[in-house]
Amino acid sequence: MNAPLRDSPSTAPDWASLNLIGRSASFRATLGLLQQCAGVDATVLLCGETGTGKELAARAIHYLSARRSGPFVPVNCGALPDSILEAELFGHTKGAFTDARSDSRGLIGLAQGGTLFFDEVDSLSPRAQSAILRFVQDRCYRPLGSARIERADVRLVAATNADLDDLVRCGRFRQDLLFRLNLLAVALPPLREREGDALLLARVFVQRLVAQYRSEPRELAAASVAALQQPRPWPGNVRELEHGVHRAFLLQRGDAVDLRLPAAAGAPAAAAMARGDRAFADAKAAAIRDFERSYLHEVLQRAGGNLSLAARIAGKERSRFGKLVRKHGLHRAGPVSDL
């Protein structure tokens, strides 16, 4: 069982200080869910594409929670080889193996009283999944070489950019482990679904770089401002945008930072109609497509990634709703559950 809730802040969070910046409706909804998760001492599963800020979200949950004075310990699951898995996580006693010259608390012991963050949990090997299953269930573990069972006072937060239900179906992820991790779920929206946030973030990044490099004041070039206001795929999400701004800032001469973004593929329906280069039928189809995607994303967030619940909220049959979700590429927006 998780530890009982202790005192937690009741004031509105300063999201900017937590490096979570955005004004779009989808992002504000996500921030609301993160604040709710911070208020209860329960396991949280963060889902989202690469570069959407899952570790930032995990840290926000920690620093907004009653455990904020305790440690935040990230664990890169993709870098945990089976050969040292137990020793790294659970710790060991002196002499437990050849190179164990002293006792070690392990990552779990280091997180005592705070938050343990399992990043890229989908990359855990079958052996690693089995090793941590019991710990995720009851927070008990035994250091290597010790006969004593330890109990950890930690909150677990896990993150993935994969569809864990798909991995379960193909036998690459344990369903019982997914059930234990997927108590509370938050899907972080990709940048392409955060209307207006790309320009806002780019301006923030420029000002941070001005301070970091102690340079003269700089602003985004007019062409970059216009380009950032157009829909873009952003496969690398916020990380891609941040690196692009940084690179342009370092290479640019003068006071205008030009990201030199290529022309966006496809303009908004309203702008296209204004130019008269899109037929009515095309504009109508684009508007319907945009509405469907936005509506599905909102309903999935309200349902915490639970496909069956989202279908009920939308008043649609589950399989048909699932086809719509896949059609718009939202099947990785959060863990899908039949519960």
C-alpha atoms as a PDB file:
ATOM      1  CA  MET A   1       0.000   0.000   0.000  1.00  0.00           C
ATOM      2  CA  ASN A   2       1.100   3.574  -0.579  1.00  0.00           C
ATOM      3  CA  ALA A   3       1.943   5.815   2.361  1.00  0.00           C
ATOM      4  CA  PRO A   4      -0.843   8.088   3.601  1.00  0.00           C
ATOM      5  CA  LEU A   5      -1.014  11.620   2.301  1.00  0.00           C
ATOM      6  CA  ARG A   6       0.855  14.209   4.300  1.00  0.00           C
ATOM      7  CA  ASP A   7       0.520  17.969   4.059  1.00  0.00           C
ATOM      8  CA  SER A   8       0.502  19.278   0.466  1.00  0.00           C
ATOM      9  CA  PRO A   9       0.391  22.788  -0.987  1.00  0.00           C
ATOM     10  CA  SER A  10      -3.074  24.213  -1.666  1.00  0.00           C
ATOM     11  CA  THR A  11      -2.023  27.312  -3.620  1.00  0.00           C
ATOM     12  CA  ALA A  12      -1.941  27.433  -7.407  1.00  0.00           C
ATOM     13  CA  PRO A  13       1.378  25.963  -8.612  1.00  0.00           C
ATOM     14  CA  ASP A  14       4.029  28.106 -10.259  1.00  0.00           C
ATOM     15  CA  TRP A  15       4.272  25.911 -13.334  1.00  0.00           C
ATOM     16  CA  ALA A  16       6.926  28.083 -14.983  1.00  0.00           C
ATOM     17  CA  SER A  17       9.312  27.435 -12.091  1.00  0.00           C
ATOM     18  CA  LEU A  18       8.764  23.725 -12.741  1.00  0.00           C
ATOM     19  CA  ASN A  19       9.613  24.242 -16.439  1.00  0.00           C
ATOM     20  CA  LEU A  20       6.092  23.326 -17.517  1.00  0.00           C
ATOM     21  CA  ILE A  21       5.091  26.197 -19.782  1.00  0.00           C
ATOM     22  CA  GLY A  22       2.041  26.448 -22.021  1.00  0.00           C
ATOM     23  CA  ARG A  23      -1.349  28.105 -22.414  1.00  0.00           C
ATOM     24  CA  SER A  24      -3.137  25.707 -24.748  1.00  0.00           C
ATOM     25  CA  ALA A  25      -6.304  24.036 -23.510  1.00  0.00           C
ATOM     26  CA  SER A  26      -4.830  20.546 -23.849  1.00  0.00           C
ATOM     27  CA  PHE A  27      -1.741  21.467 -21.838  1.00  0.00           C
ATOM     28  CA  ARG A  28      -3.709  23.279 -19.116  1.00  0.00           C
ATOM     29  CA  ALA A  29      -5.880  20.175 -18.743  1.00  0.00           C
ATOM     30  CA  THR A  30      -2.733  18.091 -18.295  1.00  0.00           C
ATOM     31  CA  LEU A  31      -1.407  20.465 -15.643  1.00  0.00           C
ATOM     32  CA  GLY A  32      -4.675  20.097 -13.767  1.00  0.00           C
ATOM     33  CA  LEU A  33      -4.265  16.316 -13.768  1.00  0.00           C
ATOM     34  CA  LEU A  34      -0.681  16.596 -12.543  1.00  0.00           C
ATOM     35  CA  GLN A  35      -1.806  18.790  -9.660  1.00  0.00           C
ATOM     36  CA  GLN A  36      -4.480  16.240  -8.739  1.00  0.00           C
ATOM     37  CA  CYS A  37      -1.913  13.433  -8.813  1.00  0.00           C
ATOM     38  CA  ALA A  38       0.429  15.441  -6.585  1.00  0.00           C
ATOM     39  CA  GLY A  39      -2.288  15.677  -3.953  1.00  0.00           C
ATOM     40  CA  VAL A  40      -2.570  11.913  -3.438  1.00  0.00           C
ATOM     41  CA  ASP A  41       0.270   9.576  -2.528  1.00  0.00           C
ATOM     42  CA  ALA A  42      -0.354   7.014  -5.259  1.00  0.00           C
ATOM     43  CA  THR A  43       1.514   5.455  -8.173  1.00  0.00           C
ATOM     44  CA  VAL A  44       1.342   7.468 -11.402  1.00  0.00           C
ATOM     45  CA  LEU A  45       1.996   6.371 -14.993  1.00  0.00           C
ATOM     46  CA  LEU A  46       3.042   9.178 -17.361  1.00  0.00           C
ATOM     47  CA  CYS A  47       2.557   8.542 -21.070  1.00  0.00           C
ATOM     48  CA  GLY A  48       3.597  10.580 -24.055  1.00  0.00           C
ATOM     49  CA  GLU A  49       5.841  10.814 -27.054  1.00  0.00           C
ATOM     50  CA  THR A  50       9.569  11.453 -26.794  1.00  0.00           C
ATOM     51  CA  GLY A  51      10.279  15.053 -25.849  1.00  0.00           C
ATOM     52  CA  THR A  52       6.894  15.879 -24.310  1.00  0.00           C
ATOM     53  CA  GLY A  53       8.364  16.446 -20.833  1.00  0.00           C
ATOM     54  CA  LYS A  54       7.582  13.284 -18.896  1.00  0.00           C
ATOM     55  CA  GLU A  55      10.470  13.709 -16.455  1.00  0.00           C
ATOM     56  CA  LEU A  56       9.488  17.345 -15.888  1.00  0.00           C
ATOM     57  CA  ALA A  57       5.967  16.139 -15.128  1.00  0.00           C
ATOM     58  CA  ALA A  58       7.332  13.530 -12.706  1.00  0.00           C
ATOM     59  CA  ARG A  59       9.391  16.170 -10.920  1.00  0.00           C
ATOM     60  CA  ALA A  60       6.358  18.455 -10.758  1.00  0.00           C
ATOM     61  CA  ILE A  61       4.311  15.708  -9.089  1.00  0.00           C
ATOM     62  CA  HIS A  62       7.131  15.258  -6.576  1.00  0.00           C
ATOM     63  CA  TYR A  63       7.742  18.938  -5.770  1.00  0.00           C
ATOM     64  CA  LEU A  64       4.024  19.708  -5.505  1.00  0.00           C
ATOM     65  CA  SER A  65       3.427  16.752  -3.194  1.00  0.00           C
ATOM     66  CA  ALA A  66       3.878  16.193   0.511  1.00  0.00           C
ATOM     67  CA  ARG A  67       7.137  14.383  -0.347  1.00  0.00           C
ATOM     68  CA  ARG A  68       8.725  17.533  -1.815  1.00  0.00           C
ATOM     69  CA  SER A  69      11.340  17.724   0.981  1.00  0.00           C
ATOM     70  CA  GLY A  70      12.469  14.162   0.214  1.00  0.00           C
ATOM     71  CA  PRO A  71      14.712  13.012  -2.647  1.00  0.00           C
ATOM     72  CA  PHE A  72      13.662  12.591  -6.271  1.00  0.00           C
ATOM     73  CA  VAL A  73      15.555   9.618  -7.694  1.00  0.00           C
ATOM     74  CA  PRO A  74      15.297   8.906 -11.454  1.00  0.00           C
ATOM     75  CA  VAL A  75      15.971   5.402 -12.754  1.00  0.00           C
ATOM     76  CA  ASN A  76      16.772   4.983 -16.445  1.00  0.00           C
ATOM     77  CA  CYS A  77      15.221   1.574 -17.015  1.00  0.00           C
ATOM     78  CA  GLY A  78      16.842   1.293 -20.431  1.00  0.00           C
ATOM     79  CA  ALA A  79      20.284   1.459 -18.809  1.00  0.00           C
ATOM     80  CA  LEU A  80      19.700  -1.257 -16.192  1.00  0.00           C
ATOM     81  CA  PRO A  81      21.528  -4.417 -17.340  1.00  0.00           C
ATOM     82  CA  ASP A  82      20.211  -7.644 -15.861  1.00  0.00           C
ATOM     83  CA  SER A  83      23.627  -8.485 -14.428  1.00  0.00           C
ATOM     84  CA  ILE A  84      23.531  -5.624 -11.887  1.00  0.00           C
ATOM     85  CA  LEU A  85      19.788  -5.002 -11.704  1.00  0.00           C
ATOM     86  CA  GLU A  86      19.154  -6.186  -8.139  1.00  0.00           C
ATOM     87  CA  ALA A  87      22.312  -4.566  -6.795  1.00  0.00           C
ATOM     88  CA  GLU A  88      21.488  -1.210  -8.411  1.00  0.00           C
ATOM     89  CA  LEU A  89      17.875  -1.150  -7.296  1.00  0.00           C
ATOM     90  CA  PHE A  90      17.836  -3.031  -4.005  1.00  0.00           C
ATOM     91  CA  GLY A  91      21.373  -2.409  -2.774  1.00  0.00           C
ATOM     92  CA  HIS A  92      23.728  -4.984  -1.281  1.00  0.00           C
ATOM     93  CA  THR A  93      25.772  -5.852   1.779  1.00  0.00           C
ATOM     94  CA  LYS A  94      29.552  -5.949   1.945  1.00  0.00           C
ATOM     95  CA  GLY A  95      30.810  -9.205   0.417  1.00  0.00           C
ATOM     96  CA  ALA A  96      27.524 -10.027  -1.342  1.00  0.00           C
ATOM     97  CA  PHE A  97      29.535 -10.463  -4.558  1.00  0.00           C
ATOM     98  CA  THR A  98      33.144 -10.085  -5.687  1.00  0.00           C
ATOM     99  CA  ASP A  99      33.283  -6.297  -5.997  1.00  0.00           C
ATOM    100  CA  ALA A 100      30.956  -5.509  -3.058  1.00  0.00           C
ATOM    101  CA  ARG A 101      33.568  -3.867  -0.805  1.00  0.00           C
ATOM    102  CA  SER A 102      31.000  -1.985   1.273  1.00  0.00           C
ATOM    103  CA  ASP A 103      27.279  -1.822   1.914  1.00  0.00           C
ATOM    104  CA  SER A 104      25.139  -0.008  -0.661  1.00  0.00           C
ATOM    105  CA  ARG A 105      21.634   1.345  -0.161  1.00  0.00           C
ATOM    106  CA  GLY A 106      20.671   1.039  -3.814  1.00  0.00           C
ATOM    107  CA  LEU A 107      18.435   3.439  -5.728  1.00  0.00           C
ATOM    108  CA  ILE A 108      15.362   2.461  -3.740  1.00  0.00           C
ATOM    109  CA  GLY A 109      17.121   3.186  -0.467  1.00  0.00           C
ATOM    110  CA  LEU A 110      18.319   6.551  -1.800  1.00  0.00           C
ATOM    111  CA  ALA A 111      14.712   7.496  -2.588  1.00  0.00           C
ATOM    112  CA  GLN A 112      13.499   6.844   0.977  1.00  0.00           C
ATOM    113  CA  GLY A 113      10.875   9.426   1.942  1.00  0.00           C
ATOM    114  CA  GLY A 114      10.674  10.762  -1.597  1.00  0.00           C
ATOM    115  CA  THR A 115       9.848   9.713  -5.159  1.00  0.00           C
ATOM    116  CA  LEU A 116      11.326   6.922  -7.282  1.00  0.00           C
ATOM    117  CA  PHE A 117      10.933   7.639 -11.002  1.00  0.00           C
ATOM    118  CA  PHE A 118      11.081   4.694 -13.415  1.00  0.00           C
ATOM    119  CA  ASP A 119      11.780   6.311 -16.796  1.00  0.00           C
ATOM    120  CA  GLU A 120      11.339   4.315 -20.028  1.00  0.00           C
ATOM    121  CA  VAL A 121       9.651   1.546 -18.059  1.00  0.00           C
ATOM    122  CA  ASP A 122       8.715  -0.155 -21.341  1.00  0.00           C
ATOM    123  CA  SER A 123      12.421  -0.978 -21.871  1.00  0.00           C
ATOM    124  CA  LEU A 124      12.630  -3.245 -18.800  1.00  0.00           C
ATOM    125  CA  SER A 125      13.717  -6.768 -19.673  1.00  0.00           C
ATOM    126  CA  PRO A 126      11.480  -9.706 -18.676  1.00  0.00           C
ATOM    127  CA  ARG A 127      13.828 -10.454 -15.780  1.00  0.00           C
ATOM    128  CA  ALA A 128      13.778  -6.854 -14.616  1.00  0.00           C
ATOM    129  CA  GLN A 129       9.976  -6.748 -14.787  1.00  0.00           C
ATOM    130  CA  SER A 130       9.794  -9.856 -12.635  1.00  0.00           C
ATOM    131  CA  ALA A 131      12.314  -8.458 -10.145  1.00  0.00           C
ATOM    132  CA  ILE A 132      10.431  -5.232  -9.504  1.00  0.00           C
ATOM    133  CA  LEU A 133       6.901  -6.656  -9.627  1.00  0.00           C
ATOM    134  CA  ARG A 134       6.771  -7.568  -5.928  1.00  0.00           C
ATOM    135  CA  PHE A 135       8.349  -4.275  -4.921  1.00  0.00           C
ATOM    136  CA  VAL A 136       5.795  -2.270  -6.912  1.00  0.00           C
ATOM    137  CA  GLN A 137       3.048  -4.217  -5.166  1.00  0.00           C
ATOM    138  CA  ASP A 138       4.038  -3.847  -1.494  1.00  0.00           C
ATOM    139  CA  ARG A 139       7.236  -1.711  -1.444  1.00  0.00           C
ATOM    140  CA  CYS A 140       9.190  -4.562   0.166  1.00  0.00           C
ATOM    141  CA  TYR A 141      12.609  -5.730  -1.027  1.00  0.00           C
ATOM    142  CA  ARG A 142      15.712  -7.574   0.168  1.00  0.00           C
ATOM    143  CA  PRO A 143      19.216  -6.175  -0.481  1.00  0.00           C
ATOM    144  CA  LEU A 144      21.625  -8.679  -2.008  1.00  0.00           C
ATOM    145  CA  GLY A 145      23.440 -10.644   0.692  1.00  0.00           C
ATOM    146  CA  SER A 146      21.007  -9.605   3.419  1.00  0.00           C
ATOM    147  CA  ALA A 147      18.522 -11.817   5.226  1.00  0.00           C
ATOM    148  CA  ARG A 148      16.415  -8.813   6.252  1.00  0.00           C
ATOM    149  CA  ILE A 149      13.388  -7.610   4.300  1.00  0.00           C
ATOM    150  CA  GLU A 150      13.345  -3.834   3.934  1.00  0.00           C
ATOM    151  CA  ARG A 151      10.278  -1.674   3.409  1.00  0.00           C
ATOM    152  CA  ALA A 152      10.575   1.486   1.324  1.00  0.00           C
ATOM    153  CA  ASP A 153       8.613   4.650   2.016  1.00  0.00           C
ATOM    154  CA  VAL A 154       8.584   5.918  -1.577  1.00  0.00           C
ATOM    155  CA  ARG A 155       6.097   7.073  -4.138  1.00  0.00           C
ATOM    156  CA  LEU A 156       6.445   5.471  -7.585  1.00  0.00           C
ATOM    157  CA  VAL A 157       6.117   7.383 -10.825  1.00  0.00           C
ATOM    158  CA  ALA A 158       6.724   5.583 -14.132  1.00  0.00           C
ATOM    159  CA  ALA A 159       6.961   6.928 -17.677  1.00  0.00           C
ATOM    160  CA  THR A 160       6.710   5.424 -21.133  1.00  0.00           C
ATOM    161  CA  ASN A 161       6.520   6.548 -24.740  1.00  0.00           C
ATOM    162  CA  ALA A 162       5.174   3.153 -25.811  1.00  0.00           C
ATOM    163  CA  ASP A 163       1.681   1.675 -25.772  1.00  0.00           C
ATOM    164  CA  LEU A 164       2.039  -0.750 -22.859  1.00  0.00           C
ATOM    165  CA  ASP A 165      -1.214  -2.496 -23.740  1.00  0.00           C
ATOM    166  CA  ASP A 166       0.242  -3.331 -27.150  1.00  0.00           C
ATOM    167  CA  LEU A 167       3.387  -4.656 -25.454  1.00  0.00           C
ATOM    168  CA  VAL A 168       1.245  -6.783 -23.145  1.00  0.00           C
ATOM    169  CA  ARG A 169      -0.647  -8.223 -26.123  1.00  0.00           C
ATOM    170  CA  CYS A 170       2.579  -9.218 -27.866  1.00  0.00           C
ATOM    171  CA  GLY A 171       4.079 -10.673 -24.678  1.00  0.00           C
ATOM    172  CA  ARG A 172       6.765  -8.041 -24.124  1.00  0.00           C
ATOM    173  CA  PHE A 173       5.362  -6.518 -20.931  1.00  0.00           C
ATOM    174  CA  ARG A 174       3.798  -8.210 -17.913  1.00  0.00           C
ATOM    175  CA  GLN A 175       0.115  -7.469 -17.549  1.00  0.00           C
ATOM    176  CA  ASP A 176       0.263  -7.797 -13.753  1.00  0.00           C
ATOM    177  CA  LEU A 177       3.017  -5.161 -13.644  1.00  0.00           C
ATOM    178  CA  LEU A 178       0.997  -2.838 -15.886  1.00  0.00           C
ATOM    179  CA  PHE A 179      -2.002  -3.184 -13.573  1.00  0.00           C
ATOM    180  CA  ARG A 180       0.150  -2.113 -10.618  1.00  0.00           C
ATOM    181  CA  LEU A 181       1.717   0.837 -12.424  1.00  0.00           C
ATOM    182  CA  ASN A 182      -1.455   2.067 -14.095  1.00  0.00           C
ATOM    183  CA  LEU A 183      -3.246   3.324 -10.986  1.00  0.00           C
ATOM    184  CA  LEU A 184      -3.311   6.982 -12.044  1.00  0.00           C
ATOM    185  CA  ALA A 185      -2.452   7.832 -15.645  1.00  0.00           C
ATOM    186  CA  VAL A 186      -1.583  11.163 -17.253  1.00  0.00           C
ATOM    187  CA  ALA A 187      -1.040  11.577 -20.994  1.00  0.00           C
ATOM    188  CA  LEU A 188       1.225  14.456 -21.990  1.00  0.00           C
ATOM    189  CA  PRO A 189       0.027  16.005 -25.263  1.00  0.00           C
ATOM    190  CA  PRO A 190       2.468  16.283 -28.169  1.00  0.00           C
ATOM    191  CA  LEU A 191       3.503  19.792 -29.187  1.00  0.00           C
ATOM    192  CA  ARG A 192       1.528  19.595 -32.442  1.00  0.00           C
ATOM    193  CA  GLU A 193      -1.676  19.392 -30.352  1.00  0.00           C
ATOM    194  CA  ARG A 194      -0.780  22.380 -28.153  1.00  0.00           C
ATOM    195  CA  GLU A 195      -2.105  25.281 -30.188  1.00  0.00           C
ATOM    196  CA  GLY A 196      -0.040  28.438 -29.720  1.00  0.00           C
ATOM    197  CA  ASP A 197       2.450  26.871 -27.313  1.00  0.00           C
ATOM    198  CA  ALA A 198       5.299  26.460 -29.832  1.00  0.00           C
ATOM    199  CA  LEU A 199       5.642  30.226 -30.258  1.00  0.00           C
ATOM    200  CA  LEU A 200       5.305  30.842 -26.514  1.00  0.00           C
ATOM    201  CA  LEU A 201       7.983  28.242 -25.715  1.00  0.00           C
ATOM    202  CA  ALA A 202      10.364  29.492 -28.404  1.00  0.00           C
ATOM    203  CA  ARG A 203      10.214  33.003 -26.962  1.00  0.00           C
ATOM    204  CA  VAL A 204      10.871  31.677 -23.467  1.00  0.00           C
ATOM    205  CA  PHE A 205      13.851  29.668 -24.721  1.00  0.00           C
ATOM    206  CA  VAL A 206      15.330  32.741 -26.434  1.00  0.00           C
ATOM    207  CA  GLN A 207      15.115  34.792 -23.246  1.00  0.00           C
ATOM    208  CA  ARG A 208      16.689  31.997 -21.206  1.00  0.00           C
ATOM    209  CA  LEU A 209      19.565  31.797 -23.678  1.00  0.00           C
ATOM    210  CA  VAL A 210      20.067  35.558 -23.494  1.00  0.00           C
ATOM    211  CA  ALA A 211      20.510  35.189 -19.738  1.00  0.00           C
ATOM    212  CA  GLN A 212      22.639  32.033 -20.022  1.00  0.00           C
ATOM    213  CA  TYR A 213      25.104  33.539 -22.508  1.00  0.00           C
ATOM    214  CA  ARG A 214      24.808  37.093 -21.164  1.00  0.00           C
ATOM    215  CA  SER A 215      24.177  38.379 -24.646  1.00  0.00           C
ATOM    216  CA  GLU A 216      22.425  41.467 -25.910  1.00  0.00           C
ATOM    217  CA  PRO A 217      18.602  41.216 -25.972  1.00  0.00           C
ATOM    218  CA  ARG A 218      17.315  39.145 -28.873  1.00  0.00           C
ATOM    219  CA  GLU A 219      13.917  38.299 -30.322  1.00  0.00           C
ATOM    220  CA  LEU A 220      12.602  35.756 -32.769  1.00  0.00           C
ATOM    221  CA  ALA A 221      12.756  36.789 -36.402  1.00  0.00           C
ATOM    222  CA  ALA A 222       9.394  37.702 -37.966  1.00  0.00           C
ATOM    223  CA  ALA A 223       9.623  34.743 -40.348  1.00  0.00           C
ATOM    224  CA  SER A 224      10.120  32.363 -37.418  1.00  0.00           C
ATOM    225  CA  VAL A 225       7.165  33.860 -35.551  1.00  0.00           C
ATOM    226  CA  ALA A 226       4.966  33.288 -38.598  1.00  0.00           C
ATOM    227  CA  ALA A 227       6.279  29.743 -39.091  1.00  0.00           C
ATOM    228  CA  LEU A 228       5.704  28.812 -35.446  1.00  0.00           C
ATOM    229  CA  GLN A 229       2.068  29.893 -35.727  1.00  0.00           C
ATOM    230  CA  GLN A 230       1.461  27.261 -38.418  1.00  0.00           C
ATOM    231  CA  PRO A 231       0.703  23.586 -37.696  1.00  0.00           C
ATOM    232  CA  ARG A 232       3.846  21.450 -37.691  1.00  0.00           C
ATOM    233  CA  PRO A 233       4.430  17.741 -36.924  1.00  0.00           C
ATOM    234  CA  TRP A 234       7.194  18.302 -34.306  1.00  0.00           C
ATOM    235  CA  PRO A 235       8.288  14.630 -34.104  1.00  0.00           C
ATOM    236  CA  GLY A 236      10.732  15.532 -31.315  1.00  0.00           C
ATOM    237  CA  ASN A 237       8.175  17.735 -29.551  1.00  0.00           C
ATOM    238  CA  VAL A 238       9.383  20.365 -27.055  1.00  0.00           C
ATOM    239  CA  ARG A 239      12.906  18.943 -26.999  1.00  0.00           C
ATOM    240  CA  GLU A 240      13.161  19.356 -30.779  1.00  0.00           C
ATOM    241  CA  LEU A 241      11.960  22.958 -30.543  1.00  0.00           C
ATOM    242  CA  GLU A 242      14.332  23.793 -27.689  1.00  0.00           C
ATOM    243  CA  HIS A 243      17.356  22.369 -29.505  1.00  0.00           C
ATOM    244  CA  GLY A 244      16.368  24.205 -32.688  1.00  0.00           C
ATOM    245  CA  VAL A 245      16.138  27.519 -30.840  1.00  0.00           C
ATOM    246  CA  HIS A 246      19.476  26.889 -29.102  1.00  0.00           C
ATOM    247  CA  ARG A 247      21.226  26.068 -32.368  1.00  0.00           C
ATOM    248  CA  ALA A 248      19.791  29.133 -34.129  1.00  0.00           C
ATOM    249  CA  PHE A 249      20.718  31.360 -31.178  1.00  0.00           C
ATOM    250  CA  LEU A 250      24.338  30.241 -31.244  1.00  0.00           C
ATOM    251  CA  LEU A 251      24.731  30.551 -35.004  1.00  0.00           C
ATOM    252  CA  GLN A 252      22.781  33.765 -35.491  1.00  0.00           C
ATOM    253  CA  ARG A 253      24.372  37.181 -35.851  1.00  0.00           C
ATOM    254  CA  GLY A 254      22.383  40.242 -34.924  1.00  0.00           C
ATOM    255  CA  ASP A 255      19.388  40.563 -32.666  1.00  0.00           C
ATOM    256  CA  ALA A 256      16.915  38.387 -34.617  1.00  0.00           C
ATOM    257  CA  VAL A 257      16.902  34.625 -34.043  1.00  0.00           C
ATOM    258  CA  ASP A 258      15.826  32.891 -37.247  1.00  0.00           C
ATOM    259  CA  LEU A 259      14.959  29.212 -36.827  1.00  0.00           C
ATOM    260  CA  ARG A 260      14.816  28.789 -40.620  1.00  0.00           C
ATOM    261  CA  LEU A 261      11.886  26.421 -40.356  1.00  0.00           C
ATOM    262  CA  PRO A 262      10.760  24.809 -43.618  1.00  0.00           C
ATOM    263  CA  ALA A 263       7.292  25.604 -44.871  1.00  0.00           C
ATOM    264  CA  ALA A 264       4.669  23.742 -42.866  1.00  0.00           C
ATOM    265  CA  ALA A 265       2.783  21.036 -44.720  1.00  0.00           C
ATOM    266  CA  GLY A 266      -0.843  22.132 -44.848  1.00  0.00           C
ATOM    267  CA  ALA A 267      -2.221  25.425 -43.532  1.00  0.00           C
ATOM    268  CA  PRO A 268      -5.290  25.727 -41.319  1.00  0.00           C
ATOM    269  CA  ALA A 269      -8.587  25.379 -43.156  1.00  0.00           C
ATOM    270  CA  ALA A 270      -9.647  28.952 -42.451  1.00  0.00           C
ATOM    271  CA  ALA A 271      -6.430  30.414 -43.892  1.00  0.00           C
ATOM    272  CA  ALA A 272      -6.630  28.169 -46.929  1.00  0.00           C
ATOM    273  CA  MET A 273     -10.195  29.249 -47.643  1.00  0.00           C
ATOM    274  CA  ALA A 274      -9.183  32.882 -47.276  1.00  0.00           C
ATOM    275  CA  ARG A 275      -6.592  32.361 -50.010  1.00  0.00           C
ATOM    276  CA  GLY A 276      -9.220  30.667 -52.158  1.00  0.00           C
ATOM    277  CA  ASP A 277      -6.966  27.694 -52.908  1.00  0.00           C
ATOM    278  CA  ARG A 278      -8.994  25.005 -51.193  1.00  0.00           C
ATOM    279  CA  ALA A 279     -12.334  23.639 -52.306  1.00  0.00           C
ATOM    280  CA  PHE A 280     -15.292  23.700 -49.942  1.00  0.00           C
ATOM    281  CA  ALA A 281     -15.279  19.921 -49.582  1.00  0.00           C
ATOM    282  CA  ASP A 282     -11.571  19.879 -48.656  1.00  0.00           C
ATOM    283  CA  ALA A 283     -12.037  22.653 -46.109  1.00  0.00           C
ATOM    284  CA  LYS A 284     -15.029  20.860 -44.571  1.00  0.00           C
ATOM    285  CA  ALA A 285     -13.086  17.585 -44.315  1.00  0.00           C
ATOM    286  CA  ALA A 286     -10.150  19.375 -42.673  1.00  0.00           C
ATOM    287  CA  ALA A 287     -12.423  21.079 -40.156  1.00  0.00           C
ATOM    288  CA  ILE A 288     -14.070  17.758 -39.265  1.00  0.00           C
ATOM    289  CA  ARG A 289     -10.685  16.078 -38.935  1.00  0.00           C
ATOM    290  CA  ASP A 290      -9.393  18.829 -36.636  1.00  0.00           C
ATOM    291  CA  PHE A 291     -12.538  18.674 -34.502  1.00  0.00           C
ATOM    292  CA  GLU A 292     -12.409  14.885 -34.197  1.00  0.00           C
ATOM    293  CA  ARG A 293      -8.778  14.877 -33.124  1.00  0.00           C
ATOM    294  CA  SER A 294      -9.259  17.648 -30.575  1.00  0.00           C
ATOM    295  CA  TYR A 295     -12.419  16.044 -29.165  1.00  0.00           C
ATOM    296  CA  LEU A 296     -10.892  12.570 -28.914  1.00  0.00           C
ATOM    297  CA  HIS A 297      -7.790  13.907 -27.176  1.00  0.00           C
ATOM    298  CA  GLU A 298      -9.903  15.774 -24.609  1.00  0.00           C
ATOM    299  CA  VAL A 299     -12.139  12.760 -23.908  1.00  0.00           C
ATOM    300  CA  LEU A 300      -9.139  10.432 -23.533  1.00  0.00           C
ATOM    301  CA  GLN A 301      -7.558  12.830 -21.072  1.00  0.00           C
ATOM    302  CA  ARG A 302     -10.783  13.040 -19.051  1.00  0.00           C
ATOM    303  CA  ALA A 303     -10.857   9.241 -18.964  1.00  0.00           C
ATOM    304  CA  GLY A 304      -7.198   8.968 -17.948  1.00  0.00           C
ATOM    305  CA  GLY A 305      -6.415   6.896 -21.039  1.00  0.00           C
ATOM    306  CA  ASN A 306      -9.159   4.333 -20.313  1.00  0.00           C
ATOM    307  CA  LEU A 307     -10.567   3.559 -23.763  1.00  0.00           C
ATOM    308  CA  SER A 308     -13.788   1.975 -22.529  1.00  0.00           C
ATOM    309  CA  LEU A 309     -14.562   4.893 -20.224  1.00  0.00           C
ATOM    310  CA  ALA A 310     -13.717   7.394 -22.968  1.00  0.00           C
ATOM    311  CA  ALA A 311     -16.085   5.605 -25.359  1.00  0.00           C
ATOM    312  CA  ARG A 312     -18.880   5.810 -22.777  1.00  0.00           C
ATOM    313  CA  ILE A 313     -18.241   9.531 -22.242  1.00  0.00           C
ATOM    314  CA  ALA A 314     -18.394  10.076 -26.007  1.00  0.00           C
ATOM    315  CA  GLY A 315     -21.537   7.941 -26.318  1.00  0.00           C
ATOM    316  CA  LYS A 316     -19.960   5.627 -28.899  1.00  0.00           C
ATOM    317  CA  GLU A 317     -19.484   1.889 -29.167  1.00  0.00           C
ATOM    318  CA  ARG A 318     -16.008   0.942 -27.910  1.00  0.00           C
ATOM    319  CA  SER A 319     -14.626  -0.689 -31.074  1.00  0.00           C
ATOM    320  CA  ARG A 320     -15.806   2.188 -33.268  1.00  0.00           C
ATOM    321  CA  PHE A 321     -14.358   4.697 -30.821  1.00  0.00           C
ATOM    322  CA  GLY A 322     -11.083   2.766 -30.825  1.00  0.00           C
ATOM    323  CA  LYS A 323     -10.912   2.960 -34.636  1.00  0.00           C
ATOM    324  CA  LEU A 324     -11.310   6.736 -34.457  1.00  0.00           C
ATOM    325  CA  VAL A 325      -8.528   6.948 -31.866  1.00  0.00           C
ATOM    326  CA  ARG A 326      -6.170   4.929 -34.072  1.00  0.00           C
ATOM    327  CA  LYS A 327      -7.202   6.895 -37.165  1.00  0.00           C
ATOM    328  CA  HIS A 328      -5.957  10.099 -35.560  1.00  0.00           C
ATOM    329  CA  GLY A 329      -2.779   8.548 -34.177  1.00  0.00           C
ATOM    330  CA  LEU A 330      -3.838   9.003 -30.553  1.00  0.00           C
ATOM    331  CA  HIS A 331      -3.422   5.353 -29.519  1.00  0.00           C
ATOM    332  CA  ARG A 332      -0.102   6.252 -27.852  1.00  0.00           C
ATOM    333  CA  ALA A 333      -1.475   9.213 -25.947  1.00  0.00           C
ATOM    334  CA  GLY A 334      -1.994   7.147 -22.810  1.00  0.00           C
ATOM    335  CA  PRO A 335      -2.354   3.638 -21.445  1.00  0.00           C
ATOM    336  CA  VAL A 336      -5.471   1.962 -22.812  1.00  0.00           C
ATOM    337  CA  SER A 337      -7.410  -0.174 -20.406  1.00  0.00           C
ATOM    338  CA  ASP A 338     -10.626  -2.166 -20.569  1.00  0.00           C
ATOM    339  CA  LEU A 339     -11.331  -1.545 -16.878  1.00  0.00           C
END
